[in-house]
Amino acid sequence: MRPEEKAWQQLPGGIEVEPAGSGTVYRWRVLSDSPGLIVFFSALALLVLALGVLGLFLLFGAVSDWIGIFKEQFKDYGDFEIVVIGIALVVLLVKTWNFFATILFARCRLALSPEEFDYQVFLCGRRVRSKSFHLPAAEVISLALKDVSRKGLEVQRTHREPFYLLLQRFSEAELMKIKKRFLRDLGREKP
């Protein structure tokens, strides 16, 4: 293998590659294996979970105060301010649980060949339908680097909205290498 071909084969750390039939399968975790990031997002998720539980407790206290049970324990919990705080904390939990679950536990699988583009996101072993896409390779127009730090690599397709591959953990230079490799596997570019 020539040195330029060897350099072409290299991908950033954290992406597993294996040949599969006429194509290639890539696998990666959404969050890198960095202990610092894992601890940070885990602590943040636990904080949001604790705030959500506190919100549920405040709402339980408000309902208990309104219907008159546990009068001593939940006196004045039915006040408007406490109810609003409880609702806000529960809404925070509901709006962010998907983000934290995805970033902490999701794994991605991308099977590429000149015939197909099969992208699957698995959360705790189950496929997430809203983030998984199976389409013919001919339907993929291009791969674009847009809003790299938040969304990753954009897959532009014919007659439909684009979607994003969860590759936020990589730098722009690393995403360029990944993009070139993916396009090559789709039969769009030569090494």
Protein backbone atom coordinates (compact mmCIF):
# COMPACT_ATOMS: atom_id res chain seq x y z
CA MET A 1 0.00 0.00 0.00
CA ARG A 2 1.37 3.39 -0.99
CA PRO A 3 1.84 6.04 1.77
CA GLU A 4 -0.87 8.31 0.33
CA GLU A 5 -3.34 5.40 0.36
CA LYS A 6 -2.40 4.61 3.94
CA ALA A 7 -3.04 8.25 4.95
CA TRP A 8 -6.37 8.09 3.12
CA GLN A 9 -7.43 5.07 5.16
CA GLN A 10 -6.81 6.80 8.49
CA LEU A 11 -9.85 8.08 10.31
CA PRO A 12 -10.03 9.99 13.61
CA GLY A 13 -10.01 7.90 16.77
CA GLY A 14 -13.28 6.51 17.98
CA ILE A 15 -14.63 5.38 14.60
CA GLU A 16 -14.58 1.63 14.03
CA VAL A 17 -14.42 0.52 10.40
CA GLU A 18 -15.15 -2.88 8.90
CA PRO A 19 -15.76 -4.07 5.34
CA ALA A 20 -19.22 -5.48 4.63
CA GLY A 21 -20.03 -6.96 1.25
CA SER A 22 -19.60 -4.27 -1.40
CA GLY A 23 -19.43 -1.47 1.17
CA THR A 24 -18.09 -0.38 4.51
CA VAL A 25 -19.67 -0.18 7.96
CA TYR A 26 -18.69 2.55 10.42
CA ARG A 27 -19.55 2.57 14.12
CA TRP A 28 -18.99 5.25 16.77
CA ARG A 29 -20.26 6.49 20.10
CA VAL A 30 -21.84 9.93 20.15
CA LEU A 31 -19.75 11.04 23.13
CA SER A 32 -16.01 10.47 23.06
CA ASP A 33 -14.34 8.14 25.56
CA SER A 34 -12.84 11.10 27.42
CA PRO A 35 -13.46 10.54 31.16
CA GLY A 36 -13.77 14.29 31.72
CA LEU A 37 -16.59 14.67 29.20
CA ILE A 38 -18.36 11.56 30.46
CA VAL A 39 -18.23 12.84 34.07
CA PHE A 40 -19.32 16.33 33.01
CA PHE A 41 -22.36 15.20 31.01
CA SER A 42 -23.27 12.56 33.60
CA ALA A 43 -23.19 15.14 36.39
CA LEU A 44 -25.22 17.58 34.30
CA ALA A 45 -27.78 14.85 33.49
CA LEU A 46 -28.07 13.94 37.18
CA LEU A 47 -28.57 17.61 38.08
CA VAL A 48 -31.37 17.96 35.50
CA LEU A 49 -32.93 14.70 36.71
CA ALA A 50 -32.81 15.93 40.32
CA LEU A 51 -34.41 19.23 39.32
CA GLY A 52 -37.14 17.32 37.42
CA VAL A 53 -37.84 15.17 40.48
CA LEU A 54 -37.96 18.32 42.61
CA GLY A 55 -40.47 19.78 40.12
CA LEU A 56 -42.65 16.65 40.40
CA PHE A 57 -42.45 16.88 44.20
CA LEU A 58 -43.53 20.55 44.12
CA LEU A 59 -46.48 19.71 41.86
CA PHE A 60 -47.45 16.79 44.11
CA GLY A 61 -47.30 19.17 47.08
CA ALA A 62 -49.47 21.72 45.27
CA VAL A 63 -52.11 19.14 44.39
CA SER A 64 -52.02 17.79 47.96
CA ASP A 65 -52.50 21.32 49.32
CA TRP A 66 -55.42 21.96 46.94
CA ILE A 67 -57.31 18.77 47.77
CA GLY A 68 -56.52 18.97 51.47
CA ILE A 69 -54.43 15.86 52.13
CA PHE A 70 -51.11 16.02 54.02
CA LYS A 71 -52.10 19.52 55.17
CA GLU A 72 -49.21 19.93 57.59
CA GLN A 73 -46.52 18.65 55.23
CA PHE A 74 -47.57 20.65 52.16
CA LYS A 75 -48.93 23.87 53.64
CA ASP A 76 -48.75 26.75 51.10
CA TYR A 77 -47.44 24.47 48.29
CA GLY A 78 -50.50 25.40 46.25
CA ASP A 79 -49.23 28.97 45.77
CA PHE A 80 -48.97 30.13 42.17
CA GLU A 81 -45.19 30.69 42.30
CA ILE A 82 -44.47 27.16 43.53
CA VAL A 83 -46.71 25.64 40.86
CA VAL A 84 -44.96 27.66 38.13
CA ILE A 85 -41.52 26.59 39.43
CA GLY A 86 -42.64 22.95 39.55
CA ILE A 87 -43.97 23.09 35.99
CA ALA A 88 -40.79 24.80 34.74
CA LEU A 89 -38.58 22.12 36.32
CA VAL A 90 -40.65 19.28 34.85
CA VAL A 91 -40.60 20.95 31.41
CA LEU A 92 -36.78 21.28 31.70
CA LEU A 93 -36.54 17.53 32.36
CA VAL A 94 -38.89 16.60 29.51
CA LYS A 95 -37.12 18.88 27.00
CA THR A 96 -33.57 17.72 27.85
CA TRP A 97 -33.87 14.00 28.63
CA ASN A 98 -33.53 13.02 24.96
CA PHE A 99 -30.36 15.10 24.57
CA PHE A 100 -28.68 13.58 27.62
CA ALA A 101 -29.76 10.03 26.80
CA THR A 102 -28.43 10.40 23.25
CA ILE A 103 -25.13 11.98 24.18
CA LEU A 104 -24.40 9.52 27.00
CA PHE A 105 -25.69 6.21 25.65
CA ALA A 106 -26.20 6.38 21.88
CA ARG A 107 -24.11 4.54 19.31
CA CYS A 108 -24.23 5.18 15.57
CA ARG A 109 -23.86 2.75 12.68
CA LEU A 110 -23.41 3.85 9.09
CA ALA A 111 -23.30 1.34 6.22
CA LEU A 112 -22.13 2.86 2.95
CA SER A 113 -21.84 1.46 -0.53
CA PRO A 114 -22.44 2.79 -4.05
CA GLU A 115 -25.97 1.34 -3.71
CA GLU A 116 -27.09 2.26 -0.17
CA PHE A 117 -26.80 4.75 2.66
CA ASP A 118 -27.97 3.15 5.91
CA TYR A 119 -27.61 5.31 9.04
CA GLN A 120 -28.87 3.93 12.35
CA VAL A 121 -28.74 5.45 15.84
CA PHE A 122 -29.08 3.00 18.72
CA LEU A 123 -29.98 4.09 22.24
CA CYS A 124 -29.43 1.35 24.81
CA GLY A 125 -29.53 -1.23 22.01
CA ARG A 126 -32.79 -0.01 20.46
CA ARG A 127 -32.96 1.83 17.16
CA VAL A 128 -34.09 5.46 17.37
CA ARG A 129 -36.44 5.75 14.39
CA SER A 130 -36.51 9.55 14.32
CA LYS A 131 -32.72 9.72 13.90
CA SER A 132 -32.22 6.68 11.64
CA PHE A 133 -32.36 6.79 7.83
CA HIS A 134 -32.13 4.11 5.16
CA LEU A 135 -32.03 5.37 1.59
CA PRO A 136 -30.49 4.59 -1.78
CA ALA A 137 -27.04 6.12 -2.24
CA ALA A 138 -28.29 7.87 -5.39
CA GLU A 139 -30.64 9.96 -3.21
CA VAL A 140 -27.69 11.48 -1.30
CA ILE A 141 -26.72 14.72 -3.06
CA SER A 142 -23.72 15.57 -0.89
CA LEU A 143 -22.28 15.74 2.59
CA ALA A 144 -21.77 19.23 4.01
CA LEU A 145 -20.03 20.76 6.98
CA LYS A 146 -22.61 23.15 8.43
CA ASP A 147 -22.77 24.22 12.05
CA VAL A 148 -20.08 21.64 12.85
CA SER A 149 -19.91 22.11 16.62
CA ARG A 150 -23.65 21.63 17.15
CA LYS A 151 -24.86 19.28 14.47
CA GLY A 152 -21.98 17.44 12.84
CA LEU A 153 -22.06 16.38 9.20
CA GLU A 154 -25.16 17.28 7.15
CA VAL A 155 -26.50 14.75 4.64
CA GLN A 156 -28.22 16.58 1.80
CA ARG A 157 -30.70 14.49 -0.16
CA THR A 158 -33.01 14.91 -3.11
CA HIS A 159 -36.54 16.20 -2.54
CA ARG A 160 -36.33 15.95 1.27
CA GLU A 161 -35.00 17.84 4.24
CA PRO A 162 -31.36 17.19 5.14
CA PHE A 163 -30.43 15.30 8.29
CA TYR A 164 -27.29 15.21 10.42
CA LEU A 165 -24.88 12.45 11.33
CA LEU A 166 -24.06 12.68 15.05
CA LEU A 167 -20.37 13.54 14.66
CA GLN A 168 -20.15 16.65 16.85
CA ARG A 169 -17.17 15.34 18.79
CA PHE A 170 -14.81 15.79 15.83
CA SER A 171 -13.00 18.92 14.66
CA GLU A 172 -13.60 20.47 11.27
CA ALA A 173 -10.34 18.98 9.89
CA GLU A 174 -11.33 15.52 11.14
CA LEU A 175 -14.81 15.91 9.65
CA MET A 176 -13.24 16.74 6.29
CA LYS A 177 -11.33 13.42 6.40
CA ILE A 178 -14.50 11.59 7.41
CA LYS A 179 -16.51 13.31 4.67
CA LYS A 180 -13.96 12.36 1.98
CA ARG A 181 -13.92 8.76 3.18
CA PHE A 182 -17.73 8.55 3.21
CA LEU A 183 -17.96 10.07 -0.28
CA ARG A 184 -15.38 7.58 -1.54
CA ASP A 185 -17.43 4.70 -0.11
CA LEU A 186 -20.51 6.09 -1.87
CA GLY A 187 -18.53 6.02 -5.13
CA ARG A 188 -18.39 9.83 -5.40
CA GLU A 189 -14.66 10.54 -4.98
CA LYS A 190 -11.43 8.72 -5.64
CA PRO A 191 -8.61 8.61 -3.05
